[in-house]
Amino acid sequence: MTSLNITSGRPFIPPDDFRIVCFPRSGSHMLATALDSHPFITCHGENNEAWLGLEWFEDNIVGRIDMFSDRVTDNLDRANKWIILTRGEEERKKSLSIFSRSSHIHLLRESSVRIKGGNNRLPIWTDEEESNRQAALLAMEDVTDSLVISYEELTEQGTDTAQFTKETSNTLCDFLGVKRAVLLPATAKLFHPKRSTPR
């Protein structure tokens, strides 16, 4: 029998264990694939797409990427925990500019998928809009069970690093309540098999 939300009459969908919330070009896919390399975490991309080669075990905690918007702040109950991912304004704008006029490759698990980068309509905000949106994103920390982490922390060892630092990996694992493990982003071009051993 399907549970219904009393106020809306829609089917009740239990909240995700966690969501990554950020702006475009902030390193969300790198973080998501790194989390997904953990044997007890399943992390989807935007729009709930699963990474190529993904194995999903029922006892895993589950999360996904959610681009920051009013829709996110109006639905904070959709996740039990929020990872707030930030990136320096100038570097993010530079990345947006490069992305909007070039093709790029997303490396997912052991496979690579080329995505056409030209004519992408990613938002470019004024300095005031950027400042206001950054403030709104960080304000989520006050009303949610959240962890704020920056792109710069994730790439401390370089953007093509084979793994996050031990400290960063431990911080993320402790926040999500899973056994500590070194997290391996897919940009390292590695295949990270899942294990079905219990938590």
C-alpha atoms as a PDB file:
ATOM      1  CA  MET A   1       0.000   0.000   0.000  1.00  0.00           C
ATOM      2  CA  THR A   2       1.369   3.438  -0.963  1.00  0.00           C
ATOM      3  CA  SER A   3       1.477   6.156   1.701  1.00  0.00           C
ATOM      4  CA  LEU A   4       0.016   9.541   0.785  1.00  0.00           C
ATOM      5  CA  ASN A   5       0.957  13.009   1.880  1.00  0.00           C
ATOM      6  CA  ILE A   6      -2.142  14.235   3.742  1.00  0.00           C
ATOM      7  CA  THR A   7      -1.859  17.851   2.576  1.00  0.00           C
ATOM      8  CA  SER A   8      -1.037  17.254  -1.084  1.00  0.00           C
ATOM      9  CA  GLY A   9      -2.567  13.826  -1.727  1.00  0.00           C
ATOM     10  CA  ARG A  10       0.652  12.836  -3.514  1.00  0.00           C
ATOM     11  CA  PRO A  11       2.542   9.600  -2.774  1.00  0.00           C
ATOM     12  CA  PHE A  12       4.889  10.004   0.195  1.00  0.00           C
ATOM     13  CA  ILE A  13       8.527   9.803  -0.884  1.00  0.00           C
ATOM     14  CA  PRO A  14      10.944   9.284   2.002  1.00  0.00           C
ATOM     15  CA  PRO A  15      13.778  11.819   2.187  1.00  0.00           C
ATOM     16  CA  ASP A  16      17.211  11.015   0.820  1.00  0.00           C
ATOM     17  CA  ASP A  17      19.873  10.278   3.402  1.00  0.00           C
ATOM     18  CA  PHE A  18      21.795  13.268   2.054  1.00  0.00           C
ATOM     19  CA  ARG A  19      21.986  15.753  -0.791  1.00  0.00           C
ATOM     20  CA  ILE A  20      24.846  17.792  -2.216  1.00  0.00           C
ATOM     21  CA  VAL A  21      23.694  21.371  -2.822  1.00  0.00           C
ATOM     22  CA  CYS A  22      25.771  23.864  -4.791  1.00  0.00           C
ATOM     23  CA  PHE A  23      25.973  26.130  -7.838  1.00  0.00           C
ATOM     24  CA  PRO A  24      26.966  24.885 -11.316  1.00  0.00           C
ATOM     25  CA  ARG A  25      30.714  24.336 -11.869  1.00  0.00           C
ATOM     26  CA  SER A  26      31.461  23.883  -8.167  1.00  0.00           C
ATOM     27  CA  GLY A  27      32.810  20.325  -8.290  1.00  0.00           C
ATOM     28  CA  SER A  28      29.557  18.506  -7.489  1.00  0.00           C
ATOM     29  CA  HIS A  29      30.141  15.604  -9.883  1.00  0.00           C
ATOM     30  CA  MET A  30      33.673  15.116  -8.557  1.00  0.00           C
ATOM     31  CA  LEU A  31      32.314  15.004  -5.003  1.00  0.00           C
ATOM     32  CA  ALA A  32      29.379  12.756  -5.929  1.00  0.00           C
ATOM     33  CA  THR A  33      31.561  10.170  -7.673  1.00  0.00           C
ATOM     34  CA  ALA A  34      34.013  10.238  -4.752  1.00  0.00           C
ATOM     35  CA  LEU A  35      31.193   9.568  -2.275  1.00  0.00           C
ATOM     36  CA  ASP A  36      29.858   6.862  -4.569  1.00  0.00           C
ATOM     37  CA  SER A  37      33.271   5.147  -4.447  1.00  0.00           C
ATOM     38  CA  HIS A  38      32.573   4.330  -0.781  1.00  0.00           C
ATOM     39  CA  PRO A  39      31.255   0.761  -0.472  1.00  0.00           C
ATOM     40  CA  PHE A  40      28.303   1.862   1.684  1.00  0.00           C
ATOM     41  CA  ILE A  41      27.248   5.046  -0.146  1.00  0.00           C
ATOM     42  CA  THR A  42      25.195   5.327  -3.328  1.00  0.00           C
ATOM     43  CA  CYS A  43      25.268   8.828  -4.807  1.00  0.00           C
ATOM     44  CA  HIS A  44      23.296   9.810  -7.893  1.00  0.00           C
ATOM     45  CA  GLY A  45      23.876  12.773 -10.157  1.00  0.00           C
ATOM     46  CA  GLU A  46      21.384  15.474 -11.035  1.00  0.00           C
ATOM     47  CA  ASN A  47      17.868  14.393 -12.015  1.00  0.00           C
ATOM     48  CA  ASN A  48      18.480  11.102 -10.183  1.00  0.00           C
ATOM     49  CA  GLU A  49      20.669   9.611 -12.916  1.00  0.00           C
ATOM     50  CA  ALA A  50      22.898   6.806 -11.708  1.00  0.00           C
ATOM     51  CA  TRP A  51      26.578   6.717 -12.567  1.00  0.00           C
ATOM     52  CA  LEU A  52      27.643   4.217 -15.212  1.00  0.00           C
ATOM     53  CA  GLY A  53      28.685   0.928 -13.639  1.00  0.00           C
ATOM     54  CA  LEU A  54      26.791   1.700 -10.449  1.00  0.00           C
ATOM     55  CA  GLU A  55      25.846  -1.148  -8.140  1.00  0.00           C
ATOM     56  CA  TRP A  56      23.152  -0.181  -5.654  1.00  0.00           C
ATOM     57  CA  PHE A  57      22.866  -2.186  -2.453  1.00  0.00           C
ATOM     58  CA  GLU A  58      19.813  -1.838  -0.244  1.00  0.00           C
ATOM     59  CA  ASP A  59      21.773  -1.182   2.928  1.00  0.00           C
ATOM     60  CA  ASN A  60      23.667   1.763   1.421  1.00  0.00           C
ATOM     61  CA  ILE A  61      22.871   5.322   2.362  1.00  0.00           C
ATOM     62  CA  VAL A  62      21.602   7.206  -0.697  1.00  0.00           C
ATOM     63  CA  GLY A  63      22.107  10.761  -1.885  1.00  0.00           C
ATOM     64  CA  ARG A  64      22.113  12.954  -4.959  1.00  0.00           C
ATOM     65  CA  ILE A  65      23.118  16.355  -6.350  1.00  0.00           C
ATOM     66  CA  ASP A  66      20.684  19.271  -6.068  1.00  0.00           C
ATOM     67  CA  MET A  67      21.561  22.590  -7.737  1.00  0.00           C
ATOM     68  CA  PHE A  68      20.773  25.476  -5.400  1.00  0.00           C
ATOM     69  CA  SER A  69      17.490  27.301  -6.028  1.00  0.00           C
ATOM     70  CA  ASP A  70      14.384  28.471  -4.180  1.00  0.00           C
ATOM     71  CA  ARG A  71      12.974  25.000  -4.815  1.00  0.00           C
ATOM     72  CA  VAL A  72      15.729  23.572  -2.594  1.00  0.00           C
ATOM     73  CA  THR A  73      15.187  25.993   0.304  1.00  0.00           C
ATOM     74  CA  ASP A  74      11.429  25.376   0.119  1.00  0.00           C
ATOM     75  CA  ASN A  75      11.924  21.603   0.416  1.00  0.00           C
ATOM     76  CA  LEU A  76      14.595  21.096   3.047  1.00  0.00           C
ATOM     77  CA  ASP A  77      12.760  18.023   4.327  1.00  0.00           C
ATOM     78  CA  ARG A  78      13.745  16.117   1.179  1.00  0.00           C
ATOM     79  CA  ALA A  79      17.056  15.123   2.739  1.00  0.00           C
ATOM     80  CA  ASN A  80      18.157  14.197   6.230  1.00  0.00           C
ATOM     81  CA  LYS A  81      21.573  15.802   5.744  1.00  0.00           C
ATOM     82  CA  TRP A  82      22.935  18.435   3.355  1.00  0.00           C
ATOM     83  CA  ILE A  83      26.482  18.811   2.060  1.00  0.00           C
ATOM     84  CA  ILE A  84      26.857  22.478   1.109  1.00  0.00           C
ATOM     85  CA  LEU A  85      29.541  22.712  -1.579  1.00  0.00           C
ATOM     86  CA  THR A  86      31.104  26.110  -2.280  1.00  0.00           C
ATOM     87  CA  ARG A  87      33.706  27.427  -4.715  1.00  0.00           C
ATOM     88  CA  GLY A  88      35.564  30.721  -4.983  1.00  0.00           C
ATOM     89  CA  GLU A  89      33.603  33.168  -7.124  1.00  0.00           C
ATOM     90  CA  GLU A  90      36.340  34.019  -9.624  1.00  0.00           C
ATOM     91  CA  GLU A  91      37.345  30.400 -10.231  1.00  0.00           C
ATOM     92  CA  ARG A  92      33.720  29.332 -10.648  1.00  0.00           C
ATOM     93  CA  LYS A  93      33.081  32.107 -13.174  1.00  0.00           C
ATOM     94  CA  LYS A  94      36.207  31.124 -15.099  1.00  0.00           C
ATOM     95  CA  SER A  95      35.021  27.519 -15.180  1.00  0.00           C
ATOM     96  CA  LEU A  96      31.559  28.614 -16.351  1.00  0.00           C
ATOM     97  CA  SER A  97      33.137  30.593 -19.179  1.00  0.00           C
ATOM     98  CA  ILE A  98      35.289  27.673 -20.329  1.00  0.00           C
ATOM     99  CA  PHE A  99      32.410  25.199 -20.053  1.00  0.00           C
ATOM    100  CA  SER A 100      30.044  27.363 -22.093  1.00  0.00           C
ATOM    101  CA  ARG A 101      32.257  27.348 -25.188  1.00  0.00           C
ATOM    102  CA  SER A 102      33.954  23.962 -25.235  1.00  0.00           C
ATOM    103  CA  SER A 103      33.297  20.245 -25.229  1.00  0.00           C
ATOM    104  CA  HIS A 104      34.307  18.335 -22.144  1.00  0.00           C
ATOM    105  CA  ILE A 105      34.439  14.792 -20.870  1.00  0.00           C
ATOM    106  CA  HIS A 106      32.697  13.528 -17.750  1.00  0.00           C
ATOM    107  CA  LEU A 107      34.519  10.459 -16.456  1.00  0.00           C
ATOM    108  CA  LEU A 108      32.027   8.155 -14.770  1.00  0.00           C
ATOM    109  CA  ARG A 109      33.412   5.037 -13.163  1.00  0.00           C
ATOM    110  CA  GLU A 110      35.407   3.074 -15.748  1.00  0.00           C
ATOM    111  CA  SER A 111      33.654   4.732 -18.705  1.00  0.00           C
ATOM    112  CA  SER A 112      33.914   8.189 -20.172  1.00  0.00           C
ATOM    113  CA  VAL A 113      31.014  10.105 -21.661  1.00  0.00           C
ATOM    114  CA  ARG A 114      31.641  13.090 -23.894  1.00  0.00           C
ATOM    115  CA  ILE A 115      29.096  15.844 -23.398  1.00  0.00           C
ATOM    116  CA  LYS A 116      28.824  18.683 -25.876  1.00  0.00           C
ATOM    117  CA  GLY A 117      29.766  21.852 -24.023  1.00  0.00           C
ATOM    118  CA  GLY A 118      28.951  24.487 -26.626  1.00  0.00           C
ATOM    119  CA  ASN A 119      25.767  26.540 -26.245  1.00  0.00           C
ATOM    120  CA  ASN A 120      25.271  25.511 -22.619  1.00  0.00           C
ATOM    121  CA  ARG A 121      22.970  27.971 -20.887  1.00  0.00           C
ATOM    122  CA  LEU A 122      24.549  28.067 -17.455  1.00  0.00           C
ATOM    123  CA  PRO A 123      23.786  31.142 -15.351  1.00  0.00           C
ATOM    124  CA  ILE A 124      26.182  34.080 -15.193  1.00  0.00           C
ATOM    125  CA  TRP A 125      25.121  36.396 -12.361  1.00  0.00           C
ATOM    126  CA  THR A 126      26.031  39.960 -11.529  1.00  0.00           C
ATOM    127  CA  ASP A 127      28.356  40.444  -8.547  1.00  0.00           C
ATOM    128  CA  GLU A 128      25.394  41.442  -6.379  1.00  0.00           C
ATOM    129  CA  GLU A 129      23.335  38.421  -7.464  1.00  0.00           C
ATOM    130  CA  GLU A 130      26.312  36.138  -6.872  1.00  0.00           C
ATOM    131  CA  SER A 131      26.834  37.573  -3.391  1.00  0.00           C
ATOM    132  CA  ASN A 132      23.151  37.228  -2.486  1.00  0.00           C
ATOM    133  CA  ARG A 133      22.937  33.653  -3.746  1.00  0.00           C
ATOM    134  CA  GLN A 134      26.122  32.648  -1.926  1.00  0.00           C
ATOM    135  CA  ALA A 135      24.679  34.096   1.285  1.00  0.00           C
ATOM    136  CA  ALA A 136      21.418  32.194   0.768  1.00  0.00           C
ATOM    137  CA  LEU A 137      23.306  28.954   0.119  1.00  0.00           C
ATOM    138  CA  LEU A 138      25.421  29.320   3.258  1.00  0.00           C
ATOM    139  CA  ALA A 139      22.317  30.247   5.283  1.00  0.00           C
ATOM    140  CA  MET A 140      21.177  26.639   4.838  1.00  0.00           C
ATOM    141  CA  GLU A 141      23.782  25.708   7.445  1.00  0.00           C
ATOM    142  CA  ASP A 142      21.648  27.388  10.115  1.00  0.00           C
ATOM    143  CA  VAL A 143      18.455  25.455   9.373  1.00  0.00           C
ATOM    144  CA  THR A 144      19.689  22.001   8.345  1.00  0.00           C
ATOM    145  CA  ASP A 145      21.942  19.204   9.539  1.00  0.00           C
ATOM    146  CA  SER A 146      24.709  20.237   7.197  1.00  0.00           C
ATOM    147  CA  LEU A 147      28.395  20.207   6.377  1.00  0.00           C
ATOM    148  CA  VAL A 148      29.984  23.103   4.478  1.00  0.00           C
ATOM    149  CA  ILE A 149      32.932  22.077   2.326  1.00  0.00           C
ATOM    150  CA  SER A 150      34.714  23.933  -0.457  1.00  0.00           C
ATOM    151  CA  TYR A 151      35.922  22.908  -3.899  1.00  0.00           C
ATOM    152  CA  GLU A 152      39.329  24.176  -2.819  1.00  0.00           C
ATOM    153  CA  GLU A 153      39.382  21.676   0.083  1.00  0.00           C
ATOM    154  CA  LEU A 154      38.430  18.817  -2.248  1.00  0.00           C
ATOM    155  CA  THR A 155      41.191  19.689  -4.721  1.00  0.00           C
ATOM    156  CA  GLU A 156      43.872  20.383  -2.125  1.00  0.00           C
ATOM    157  CA  GLN A 157      46.100  17.770  -3.774  1.00  0.00           C
ATOM    158  CA  GLY A 158      45.250  18.948  -7.316  1.00  0.00           C
ATOM    159  CA  THR A 159      42.206  18.677  -9.581  1.00  0.00           C
ATOM    160  CA  ASP A 160      43.446  15.410 -11.118  1.00  0.00           C
ATOM    161  CA  THR A 161      44.251  13.811  -7.775  1.00  0.00           C
ATOM    162  CA  ALA A 162      43.635  10.094  -7.345  1.00  0.00           C
ATOM    163  CA  GLN A 163      41.957  10.614  -3.973  1.00  0.00           C
ATOM    164  CA  PHE A 164      40.816  13.199  -1.466  1.00  0.00           C
ATOM    165  CA  THR A 165      43.066  13.875   1.510  1.00  0.00           C
ATOM    166  CA  LYS A 166      42.610  11.577   4.483  1.00  0.00           C
ATOM    167  CA  GLU A 167      41.288  14.510   6.529  1.00  0.00           C
ATOM    168  CA  THR A 168      38.686  15.472   3.912  1.00  0.00           C
ATOM    169  CA  SER A 169      37.607  11.844   3.427  1.00  0.00           C
ATOM    170  CA  ASN A 170      37.246  11.355   7.192  1.00  0.00           C
ATOM    171  CA  THR A 171      35.228  14.576   7.555  1.00  0.00           C
ATOM    172  CA  LEU A 172      32.741  13.464   4.881  1.00  0.00           C
ATOM    173  CA  CYS A 173      32.476   9.886   6.178  1.00  0.00           C
ATOM    174  CA  ASP A 174      31.981  11.024   9.775  1.00  0.00           C
ATOM    175  CA  PHE A 175      29.280  13.480   8.736  1.00  0.00           C
ATOM    176  CA  LEU A 176      27.393  10.789   6.814  1.00  0.00           C
ATOM    177  CA  GLY A 177      27.866   8.230   9.581  1.00  0.00           C
ATOM    178  CA  VAL A 178      29.738   5.594   7.592  1.00  0.00           C
ATOM    179  CA  LYS A 179      33.021   3.799   8.190  1.00  0.00           C
ATOM    180  CA  ARG A 180      36.028   5.939   7.319  1.00  0.00           C
ATOM    181  CA  ALA A 181      37.534   5.236   3.898  1.00  0.00           C
ATOM    182  CA  VAL A 182      39.627   7.144   1.379  1.00  0.00           C
ATOM    183  CA  LEU A 183      37.261   8.655  -1.194  1.00  0.00           C
ATOM    184  CA  LEU A 184      38.264   8.361  -4.843  1.00  0.00           C
ATOM    185  CA  PRO A 185      36.796  10.855  -7.353  1.00  0.00           C
ATOM    186  CA  ALA A 186      36.098   9.514 -10.833  1.00  0.00           C
ATOM    187  CA  THR A 187      38.365  12.187 -12.328  1.00  0.00           C
ATOM    188  CA  ALA A 188      41.160   9.859 -11.265  1.00  0.00           C
ATOM    189  CA  LYS A 189      40.013   7.533 -14.090  1.00  0.00           C
ATOM    190  CA  LEU A 190      39.759   4.591 -11.740  1.00  0.00           C
ATOM    191  CA  PHE A 191      37.164   1.862 -11.376  1.00  0.00           C
ATOM    192  CA  HIS A 192      35.883   1.590  -7.829  1.00  0.00           C
ATOM    193  CA  PRO A 193      33.987  -1.692  -7.300  1.00  0.00           C
ATOM    194  CA  LYS A 194      31.284  -1.773  -4.665  1.00  0.00           C
ATOM    195  CA  ARG A 195      31.314  -4.337  -1.882  1.00  0.00           C
ATOM    196  CA  SER A 196      28.167  -5.958  -0.569  1.00  0.00           C
ATOM    197  CA  THR A 197      29.521  -6.513   2.941  1.00  0.00           C
ATOM    198  CA  PRO A 198      27.230  -5.167   5.697  1.00  0.00           C
ATOM    199  CA  ARG A 199      27.863  -1.829   7.384  1.00  0.00           C
END
